[in-house]
């Protein structure tokens, strides 16, 4: 099973048990993990390179519970 699919299947169960958990995704790239697993309560930090996150912000803006972070 591809890793991304495995994560999409495991994270919702974890968030059911811990609805206010904080997720940290390292090397997020153009991934849409938060949209795939969002439970409406958890916080999500996406860490990625500026060259990837800057163009991504045109399609997916930060929201209150999801923040993309790039090193300076």
PDB file of N, CA and C in Angstrom:
ATOM      1  N   UNK A   1       0.855  -1.177   0.000  1.00  0.00           N
ATOM      2  CA  UNK A   1       0.000   0.000   0.000  1.00  0.00           C
ATOM      3  C   UNK A   1       0.901   1.240   0.000  1.00  0.00           C
ATOM      4  N   UNK A   2       0.614   2.219  -0.847  1.00  0.00           N
ATOM      5  CA  UNK A   2       1.406   3.447  -0.860  1.00  0.00           C
ATOM      6  C   UNK A   2       1.340   4.158   0.495  1.00  0.00           C
ATOM      7  N   UNK A   3       2.451   4.765   0.862  1.00  0.00           N
ATOM      8  CA  UNK A   3       2.562   5.437   2.162  1.00  0.00           C
ATOM      9  C   UNK A   3       1.478   6.496   2.351  1.00  0.00           C
ATOM     10  N   UNK A   4       1.203   7.311   1.336  1.00  0.00           N
ATOM     11  CA  UNK A   4       0.205   8.373   1.455  1.00  0.00           C
ATOM     12  C   UNK A   4      -1.178   7.792   1.758  1.00  0.00           C
ATOM     13  N   UNK A   5      -1.530   6.717   1.114  1.00  0.00           N
ATOM     14  CA  UNK A   5      -2.818   6.072   1.360  1.00  0.00           C
ATOM     15  C   UNK A   5      -2.874   5.504   2.768  1.00  0.00           C
ATOM     16  N   UNK A   6      -1.794   4.915   3.212  1.00  0.00           N
ATOM     17  CA  UNK A   6      -1.730   4.367   4.573  1.00  0.00           C
ATOM     18  C   UNK A   6      -1.938   5.477   5.603  1.00  0.00           C
ATOM     19  N   UNK A   7      -1.273   6.598   5.420  1.00  0.00           N
ATOM     20  CA  UNK A   7      -1.429   7.724   6.346  1.00  0.00           C
ATOM     21  C   UNK A   7      -2.862   8.241   6.324  1.00  0.00           C
ATOM     22  N   UNK A   8      -3.442   8.381   5.132  1.00  0.00           N
ATOM     23  CA  UNK A   8      -4.832   8.839   5.028  1.00  0.00           C
ATOM     24  C   UNK A   8      -5.800   7.906   5.747  1.00  0.00           C
ATOM     25  N   UNK A   9      -5.456   6.645   5.843  1.00  0.00           N
ATOM     26  CA  UNK A   9      -6.333   5.682   6.528  1.00  0.00           C
ATOM     27  C   UNK A   9      -6.104   5.652   8.036  1.00  0.00           C
ATOM     28  N   UNK A  10      -4.872   5.916   8.484  1.00  0.00           N
ATOM     29  CA  UNK A  10      -4.547   5.835   9.911  1.00  0.00           C
ATOM     30  C   UNK A  10      -4.858   7.112  10.688  1.00  0.00           C
ATOM     31  N   UNK A  11      -4.620   8.258  10.095  1.00  0.00           N
ATOM     32  CA  UNK A  11      -4.769   9.522  10.818  1.00  0.00           C
ATOM     33  C   UNK A  11      -6.208   9.775  11.287  1.00  0.00           C
ATOM     34  N   UNK A  12      -7.243   9.525  10.508  1.00  0.00           N
ATOM     35  CA  UNK A  12      -8.597   9.767  11.016  1.00  0.00           C
ATOM     36  C   UNK A  12      -8.913   8.977  12.294  1.00  0.00           C
ATOM     37  N   UNK A  13      -8.424   7.758  12.408  1.00  0.00           N
ATOM     38  CA  UNK A  13      -8.635   6.987  13.631  1.00  0.00           C
ATOM     39  C   UNK A  13      -7.952   7.635  14.820  1.00  0.00           C
ATOM     40  N   UNK A  14      -6.724   8.124  14.607  1.00  0.00           N
ATOM     41  CA  UNK A  14      -6.007   8.811  15.671  1.00  0.00           C
ATOM     42  C   UNK A  14      -6.747  10.082  16.073  1.00  0.00           C
ATOM     43  N   UNK A  15      -7.233  10.830  15.071  1.00  0.00           N
ATOM     44  CA  UNK A  15      -7.946  12.068  15.376  1.00  0.00           C
ATOM     45  C   UNK A  15      -9.295  11.810  16.036  1.00  0.00           C
ATOM     46  N   UNK A  16      -9.873  10.659  15.818  1.00  0.00           N
ATOM     47  CA  UNK A  16     -11.114  10.311  16.527  1.00  0.00           C
ATOM     48  C   UNK A  16     -10.842  10.167  18.014  1.00  0.00           C
ATOM     49  N   UNK A  17      -9.697   9.576  18.348  1.00  0.00           N
ATOM     50  CA  UNK A  17      -9.324   9.382  19.754  1.00  0.00           C
ATOM     51  C   UNK A  17      -8.745  10.658  20.368  1.00  0.00           C
ATOM     52  N   UNK A  18      -8.148  11.515  19.532  1.00  0.00           N
ATOM     53  CA  UNK A  18      -7.496  12.741  19.997  1.00  0.00           C
ATOM     54  C   UNK A  18      -7.918  13.900  19.089  1.00  0.00           C
ATOM     55  N   UNK A  19      -9.158  14.359  19.182  1.00  0.00           N
ATOM     56  CA  UNK A  19      -9.693  15.326  18.218  1.00  0.00           C
ATOM     57  C   UNK A  19      -8.995  16.678  18.192  1.00  0.00           C
ATOM     58  N   UNK A  20      -8.322  17.061  19.261  1.00  0.00           N
ATOM     59  CA  UNK A  20      -7.645  18.350  19.296  1.00  0.00           C
ATOM     60  C   UNK A  20      -6.136  18.222  19.084  1.00  0.00           C
ATOM     61  N   UNK A  21      -5.699  17.134  18.493  1.00  0.00           N
ATOM     62  CA  UNK A  21      -4.278  16.888  18.265  1.00  0.00           C
ATOM     63  C   UNK A  21      -3.699  17.903  17.282  1.00  0.00           C
ATOM     64  N   UNK A  22      -2.377  18.000  17.301  1.00  0.00           N
ATOM     65  CA  UNK A  22      -1.656  18.852  16.365  1.00  0.00           C
ATOM     66  C   UNK A  22      -0.829  17.964  15.450  1.00  0.00           C
ATOM     67  N   UNK A  23      -0.992  18.145  14.150  1.00  0.00           N
ATOM     68  CA  UNK A  23      -0.217  17.381  13.176  1.00  0.00           C
ATOM     69  C   UNK A  23       0.896  18.236  12.602  1.00  0.00           C
ATOM     70  N   UNK A  24       2.033  17.619  12.357  1.00  0.00           N
ATOM     71  CA  UNK A  24       3.162  18.297  11.724  1.00  0.00           C
ATOM     72  C   UNK A  24       3.578  17.457  10.530  1.00  0.00           C
ATOM     73  N   UNK A  25       3.508  18.043   9.370  1.00  0.00           N
ATOM     74  CA  UNK A  25       3.885  17.337   8.145  1.00  0.00           C
ATOM     75  C   UNK A  25       5.175  17.944   7.611  1.00  0.00           C
ATOM     76  N   UNK A  26       6.227  17.165   7.597  1.00  0.00           N
ATOM     77  CA  UNK A  26       7.540  17.633   7.171  1.00  0.00           C
ATOM     78  C   UNK A  26       7.730  17.297   5.695  1.00  0.00           C
ATOM     79  N   UNK A  27       8.144  18.292   4.918  1.00  0.00           N
ATOM     80  CA  UNK A  27       8.316  18.078   3.481  1.00  0.00           C
ATOM     81  C   UNK A  27       6.988  17.977   2.773  1.00  0.00           C
ATOM     82  N   UNK A  28       6.069  18.857   3.110  1.00  0.00           N
ATOM     83  CA  UNK A  28       4.691  18.771   2.618  1.00  0.00           C
ATOM     84  C   UNK A  28       4.562  18.876   1.095  1.00  0.00           C
ATOM     85  N   UNK A  29       5.442  19.630   0.459  1.00  0.00           N
ATOM     86  CA  UNK A  29       5.339  19.761  -0.995  1.00  0.00           C
ATOM     87  C   UNK A  29       3.977  20.282  -1.405  1.00  0.00           C
ATOM     88  N   UNK A  30       3.362  19.638  -2.371  1.00  0.00           N
ATOM     89  CA  UNK A  30       2.032  20.037  -2.839  1.00  0.00           C
ATOM     90  C   UNK A  30       0.941  19.142  -2.258  1.00  0.00           C
ATOM     91  N   UNK A  31       1.285  18.439  -1.197  1.00  0.00           N
ATOM     92  CA  UNK A  31       0.387  17.479  -0.565  1.00  0.00           C
ATOM     93  C   UNK A  31      -0.893  18.133  -0.038  1.00  0.00           C
ATOM     94  N   UNK A  32      -1.977  17.392  -0.040  1.00  0.00           N
ATOM     95  CA  UNK A  32      -3.262  17.871   0.491  1.00  0.00           C
ATOM     96  C   UNK A  32      -3.697  17.036   1.690  1.00  0.00           C
ATOM     97  N   UNK A  33      -2.732  16.597   2.469  1.00  0.00           N
ATOM     98  CA  UNK A  33      -3.030  15.730   3.615  1.00  0.00           C
ATOM     99  C   UNK A  33      -4.080  16.327   4.536  1.00  0.00           C
ATOM    100  N   UNK A  34      -3.938  17.593   4.885  1.00  0.00           N
ATOM    101  CA  UNK A  34      -4.897  18.203   5.816  1.00  0.00           C
ATOM    102  C   UNK A  34      -6.323  18.095   5.291  1.00  0.00           C
ATOM    103  N   UNK A  35      -6.514  18.384   4.038  1.00  0.00           N
ATOM    104  CA  UNK A  35      -7.854  18.289   3.465  1.00  0.00           C
ATOM    105  C   UNK A  35      -8.366  16.848   3.488  1.00  0.00           C
ATOM    106  N   UNK A  36      -7.468  15.885   3.357  1.00  0.00           N
ATOM    107  CA  UNK A  36      -7.869  14.473   3.345  1.00  0.00           C
ATOM    108  C   UNK A  36      -8.291  13.960   4.713  1.00  0.00           C
ATOM    109  N   UNK A  37      -7.695  14.486   5.790  1.00  0.00           N
ATOM    110  CA  UNK A  37      -7.915  13.910   7.125  1.00  0.00           C
ATOM    111  C   UNK A  37      -8.530  14.887   8.120  1.00  0.00           C
ATOM    112  N   UNK A  38      -8.816  16.113   7.722  1.00  0.00           N
ATOM    113  CA  UNK A  38      -9.301  17.133   8.654  1.00  0.00           C
ATOM    114  C   UNK A  38     -10.562  16.689   9.391  1.00  0.00           C
ATOM    115  N   UNK A  39     -10.547  16.874  10.714  1.00  0.00           N
ATOM    116  CA  UNK A  39     -11.710  16.519  11.534  1.00  0.00           C
ATOM    117  C   UNK A  39     -12.466  17.755  12.005  1.00  0.00           C
ATOM    118  N   UNK A  40     -12.033  18.946  11.577  1.00  0.00           N
ATOM    119  CA  UNK A  40     -12.711  20.169  11.967  1.00  0.00           C
ATOM    120  C   UNK A  40     -12.218  20.761  13.275  1.00  0.00           C
ATOM    121  N   UNK A  41     -11.267  20.106  13.944  1.00  0.00           N
ATOM    122  CA  UNK A  41     -10.779  20.600  15.235  1.00  0.00           C
ATOM    123  C   UNK A  41      -9.260  20.613  15.358  1.00  0.00           C
ATOM    124  N   UNK A  42      -8.582  19.722  14.684  1.00  0.00           N
ATOM    125  CA  UNK A  42      -7.132  19.601  14.861  1.00  0.00           C
ATOM    126  C   UNK A  42      -6.383  20.764  14.218  1.00  0.00           C
ATOM    127  N   UNK A  43      -5.171  21.030  14.723  1.00  0.00           N
ATOM    128  CA  UNK A  43      -4.265  22.014  14.129  1.00  0.00           C
ATOM    129  C   UNK A  43      -3.301  21.262  13.240  1.00  0.00           C
ATOM    130  N   UNK A  44      -2.832  21.896  12.188  1.00  0.00           N
ATOM    131  CA  UNK A  44      -1.938  21.231  11.237  1.00  0.00           C
ATOM    132  C   UNK A  44      -0.861  22.220  10.798  1.00  0.00           C
ATOM    133  N   UNK A  45       0.398  21.813  10.938  1.00  0.00           N
ATOM    134  CA  UNK A  45       1.529  22.614  10.467  1.00  0.00           C
ATOM    135  C   UNK A  45       2.194  21.866   9.325  1.00  0.00           C
ATOM    136  N   UNK A  46       2.397  22.549   8.224  1.00  0.00           N
ATOM    137  CA  UNK A  46       3.018  21.956   7.045  1.00  0.00           C
ATOM    138  C   UNK A  46       4.360  22.640   6.818  1.00  0.00           C
ATOM    139  N   UNK A  47       5.436  21.879   6.888  1.00  0.00           N
ATOM    140  CA  UNK A  47       6.779  22.413   6.713  1.00  0.00           C
ATOM    141  C   UNK A  47       7.278  22.065   5.326  1.00  0.00           C
ATOM    142  N   UNK A  48       7.767  23.066   4.609  1.00  0.00           N
ATOM    143  CA  UNK A  48       8.247  22.812   3.256  1.00  0.00           C
ATOM    144  C   UNK A  48       9.184  23.902   2.788  1.00  0.00           C
ATOM    145  N   UNK A  49       9.767  23.702   1.646  1.00  0.00           N
ATOM    146  CA  UNK A  49      10.704  24.663   1.081  1.00  0.00           C
ATOM    147  C   UNK A  49       9.959  25.836   0.445  1.00  0.00           C
ATOM    148  N   UNK A  50      10.552  27.042   0.529  1.00  0.00           N
ATOM    149  CA  UNK A  50       9.883  28.221  -0.028  1.00  0.00           C
ATOM    150  C   UNK A  50       9.540  28.081  -1.511  1.00  0.00           C
ATOM    151  N   UNK A  51      10.409  27.463  -2.288  1.00  0.00           N
ATOM    152  CA  UNK A  51      10.156  27.306  -3.716  1.00  0.00           C
ATOM    153  C   UNK A  51       8.928  26.477  -4.023  1.00  0.00           C
ATOM    154  N   UNK A  52       8.491  25.666  -3.064  1.00  0.00           N
ATOM    155  CA  UNK A  52       7.288  24.856  -3.237  1.00  0.00           C
ATOM    156  C   UNK A  52       6.093  25.526  -2.568  1.00  0.00           C
ATOM    157  N   UNK A  53       6.288  26.020  -1.357  1.00  0.00           N
ATOM    158  CA  UNK A  53       5.163  26.590  -0.623  1.00  0.00           C
ATOM    159  C   UNK A  53       4.683  27.919  -1.201  1.00  0.00           C
ATOM    160  N   UNK A  54       5.585  28.724  -1.745  1.00  0.00           N
ATOM    161  CA  UNK A  54       5.156  30.015  -2.295  1.00  0.00           C
ATOM    162  C   UNK A  54       4.139  29.843  -3.428  1.00  0.00           C
ATOM    163  N   UNK A  55       4.425  29.032  -4.448  1.00  0.00           N
ATOM    164  CA  UNK A  55       3.394  28.840  -5.493  1.00  0.00           C
ATOM    165  C   UNK A  55       2.141  28.131  -4.968  1.00  0.00           C
ATOM    166  N   UNK A  56       2.321  27.248  -4.008  1.00  0.00           N
ATOM    167  CA  UNK A  56       1.185  26.507  -3.447  1.00  0.00           C
ATOM    168  C   UNK A  56       0.171  27.443  -2.807  1.00  0.00           C
ATOM    169  N   UNK A  57       0.653  28.532  -2.212  1.00  0.00           N
ATOM    170  CA  UNK A  57      -0.248  29.478  -1.536  1.00  0.00           C
ATOM    171  C   UNK A  57      -1.248  30.122  -2.500  1.00  0.00           C
ATOM    172  N   UNK A  58      -0.974  30.075  -3.789  1.00  0.00           N
ATOM    173  CA  UNK A  58      -1.930  30.599  -4.770  1.00  0.00           C
ATOM    174  C   UNK A  58      -3.160  29.703  -4.863  1.00  0.00           C
ATOM    175  N   UNK A  59      -3.004  28.432  -4.522  1.00  0.00           N
ATOM    176  CA  UNK A  59      -4.101  27.464  -4.629  1.00  0.00           C
ATOM    177  C   UNK A  59      -4.712  27.112  -3.285  1.00  0.00           C
ATOM    178  N   UNK A  60      -3.925  27.240  -2.217  1.00  0.00           N
ATOM    179  CA  UNK A  60      -4.374  26.792  -0.900  1.00  0.00           C
ATOM    180  C   UNK A  60      -3.848  27.743   0.164  1.00  0.00           C
ATOM    181  N   UNK A  61      -4.656  28.704   0.568  1.00  0.00           N
ATOM    182  CA  UNK A  61      -4.241  29.683   1.567  1.00  0.00           C
ATOM    183  C   UNK A  61      -4.257  29.070   2.961  1.00  0.00           C
ATOM    184  N   UNK A  62      -3.418  29.628   3.847  1.00  0.00           N
ATOM    185  CA  UNK A  62      -3.443  29.196   5.243  1.00  0.00           C
ATOM    186  C   UNK A  62      -4.825  29.489   5.819  1.00  0.00           C
ATOM    187  N   UNK A  63      -5.260  28.636   6.713  1.00  0.00           N
ATOM    188  CA  UNK A  63      -6.514  28.856   7.433  1.00  0.00           C
ATOM    189  C   UNK A  63      -6.193  28.828   8.928  1.00  0.00           C
ATOM    190  N   UNK A  64      -7.154  29.107   9.756  1.00  0.00           N
ATOM    191  CA  UNK A  64      -6.931  29.200  11.196  1.00  0.00           C
ATOM    192  C   UNK A  64      -6.252  27.954  11.766  1.00  0.00           C
ATOM    193  N   UNK A  65      -6.619  26.784  11.301  1.00  0.00           N
ATOM    194  CA  UNK A  65      -6.089  25.539  11.863  1.00  0.00           C
ATOM    195  C   UNK A  65      -5.011  24.895  11.006  1.00  0.00           C
ATOM    196  N   UNK A  66      -4.630  25.497   9.891  1.00  0.00           N
ATOM    197  CA  UNK A  66      -3.576  24.945   9.034  1.00  0.00           C
ATOM    198  C   UNK A  66      -2.621  26.056   8.636  1.00  0.00           C
ATOM    199  N   UNK A  67      -1.344  25.844   8.922  1.00  0.00           N
ATOM    200  CA  UNK A  67      -0.328  26.855   8.634  1.00  0.00           C
ATOM    201  C   UNK A  67       0.847  26.216   7.904  1.00  0.00           C
ATOM    202  N   UNK A  68       1.241  26.806   6.794  1.00  0.00           N
ATOM    203  CA  UNK A  68       2.412  26.342   6.055  1.00  0.00           C
ATOM    204  C   UNK A  68       3.603  27.187   6.495  1.00  0.00           C
ATOM    205  N   UNK A  69       4.734  26.522   6.752  1.00  0.00           N
ATOM    206  CA  UNK A  69       5.921  27.194   7.248  1.00  0.00           C
ATOM    207  C   UNK A  69       7.105  26.812   6.366  1.00  0.00           C
ATOM    208  N   UNK A  70       7.834  27.827   5.903  1.00  0.00           N
ATOM    209  CA  UNK A  70       9.035  27.604   5.088  1.00  0.00           C
ATOM    210  C   UNK A  70      10.225  28.266   5.785  1.00  0.00           C
ATOM    211  N   UNK A  71      11.404  27.654   5.748  1.00  0.00           N
ATOM    212  CA  UNK A  71      12.575  28.294   6.363  1.00  0.00           C
ATOM    213  C   UNK A  71      12.952  29.546   5.580  1.00  0.00           C
ATOM    214  N   UNK A  72      13.617  30.448   6.240  1.00  0.00           N
ATOM    215  CA  UNK A  72      14.038  31.697   5.582  1.00  0.00           C
ATOM    216  C   UNK A  72      15.433  31.588   5.073  1.00  0.00           C
TER     217      UNK A  72
END
